[in-house]
Amino acid sequence: MWKPIDGFPLYAVSDDAGQIRIVFGSMREAARETGIDQSSIHGALHGRFKQAGGWRWQFFHNQGANQ
């Protein structure tokens, strides 16, 4: 499966509107840019938590990427 060097792209979704707000290249980048603990983002991505830092988190699946 295709995997970027720095990790999988992901995005933060606002809880109220359900719209994509911010796209990040990796969990590390998301944690650094938002100040939200990386383990909390990881937990939200993998279903352990519903959200982290008031955001829902999802992996960004690029339909055009080679897998």
Protein backbone atom coordinates (compact mmCIF):
# COMPACT_ATOMS: atom_id res chain seq x y z
CA MET A 1 0.00 0.00 0.00
CA TRP A 2 1.19 3.53 -0.76
CA LYS A 3 2.51 5.46 2.23
CA PRO A 4 4.10 8.91 2.23
CA ILE A 5 7.50 9.25 3.89
CA ASP A 6 6.14 11.33 6.79
CA GLY A 7 2.96 9.32 7.36
CA PHE A 8 -0.58 9.21 6.10
CA PRO A 9 -2.40 12.44 5.19
CA LEU A 10 -5.35 13.27 7.42
CA TYR A 11 -7.85 16.01 8.00
CA ALA A 12 -9.75 17.61 10.84
CA VAL A 13 -13.52 17.89 10.54
CA SER A 14 -15.55 20.40 12.54
CA ASP A 15 -17.96 18.65 14.87
CA ASP A 16 -20.93 20.91 14.15
CA ALA A 17 -20.89 21.41 10.37
CA GLY A 18 -19.11 18.24 9.24
CA GLN A 19 -16.98 20.15 6.75
CA ILE A 20 -13.28 19.57 6.15
CA ARG A 21 -11.42 22.38 7.81
CA ILE A 22 -7.73 21.53 7.81
CA VAL A 23 -5.68 18.96 5.87
CA PHE A 24 -2.35 17.73 7.28
CA GLY A 25 0.40 15.57 5.82
CA SER A 26 0.81 13.48 8.97
CA MET A 27 -0.24 13.10 12.60
CA ARG A 28 3.03 14.71 13.64
CA GLU A 29 2.30 17.78 11.53
CA ALA A 30 -1.28 17.96 12.82
CA ALA A 31 -0.10 17.78 16.44
CA ARG A 32 2.58 20.42 15.86
CA GLU A 33 0.24 22.83 14.04
CA THR A 34 -2.78 22.46 16.34
CA GLY A 35 -1.17 21.85 19.72
CA ILE A 36 -3.32 18.72 20.14
CA ASP A 37 -1.47 15.74 21.57
CA GLN A 38 -0.46 13.27 18.86
CA SER A 39 -1.71 10.30 20.87
CA SER A 40 -5.16 11.94 21.12
CA ILE A 41 -5.27 12.45 17.34
CA HIS A 42 -4.18 8.82 16.88
CA GLY A 43 -6.94 7.65 19.24
CA ALA A 44 -9.56 9.64 17.34
CA LEU A 45 -8.35 8.30 13.98
CA HIS A 46 -8.51 4.70 15.17
CA GLY A 47 -11.88 4.90 16.96
CA ARG A 48 -10.64 5.00 20.55
CA PHE A 49 -12.04 8.53 20.96
CA LYS A 50 -14.85 10.27 19.11
CA GLN A 51 -12.76 13.43 18.70
CA ALA A 52 -9.54 15.11 19.76
CA GLY A 53 -9.22 18.79 20.53
CA GLY A 54 -12.86 19.38 19.57
CA TRP A 55 -12.31 18.01 16.05
CA ARG A 56 -13.19 14.70 14.41
CA TRP A 57 -10.18 13.23 12.59
CA GLN A 58 -10.17 11.13 9.43
CA PHE A 59 -7.55 9.78 7.07
CA PHE A 60 -7.38 11.55 3.72
CA HIS A 61 -7.70 8.98 0.92
CA ASN A 62 -6.40 10.36 -2.36
CA GLN A 63 -8.31 8.51 -5.07
CA GLY A 64 -5.59 9.25 -7.64
CA ALA A 65 -2.70 7.77 -5.65
CA ASN A 66 -1.09 4.52 -6.72
CA GLN A 67 -1.72 1.79 -4.18
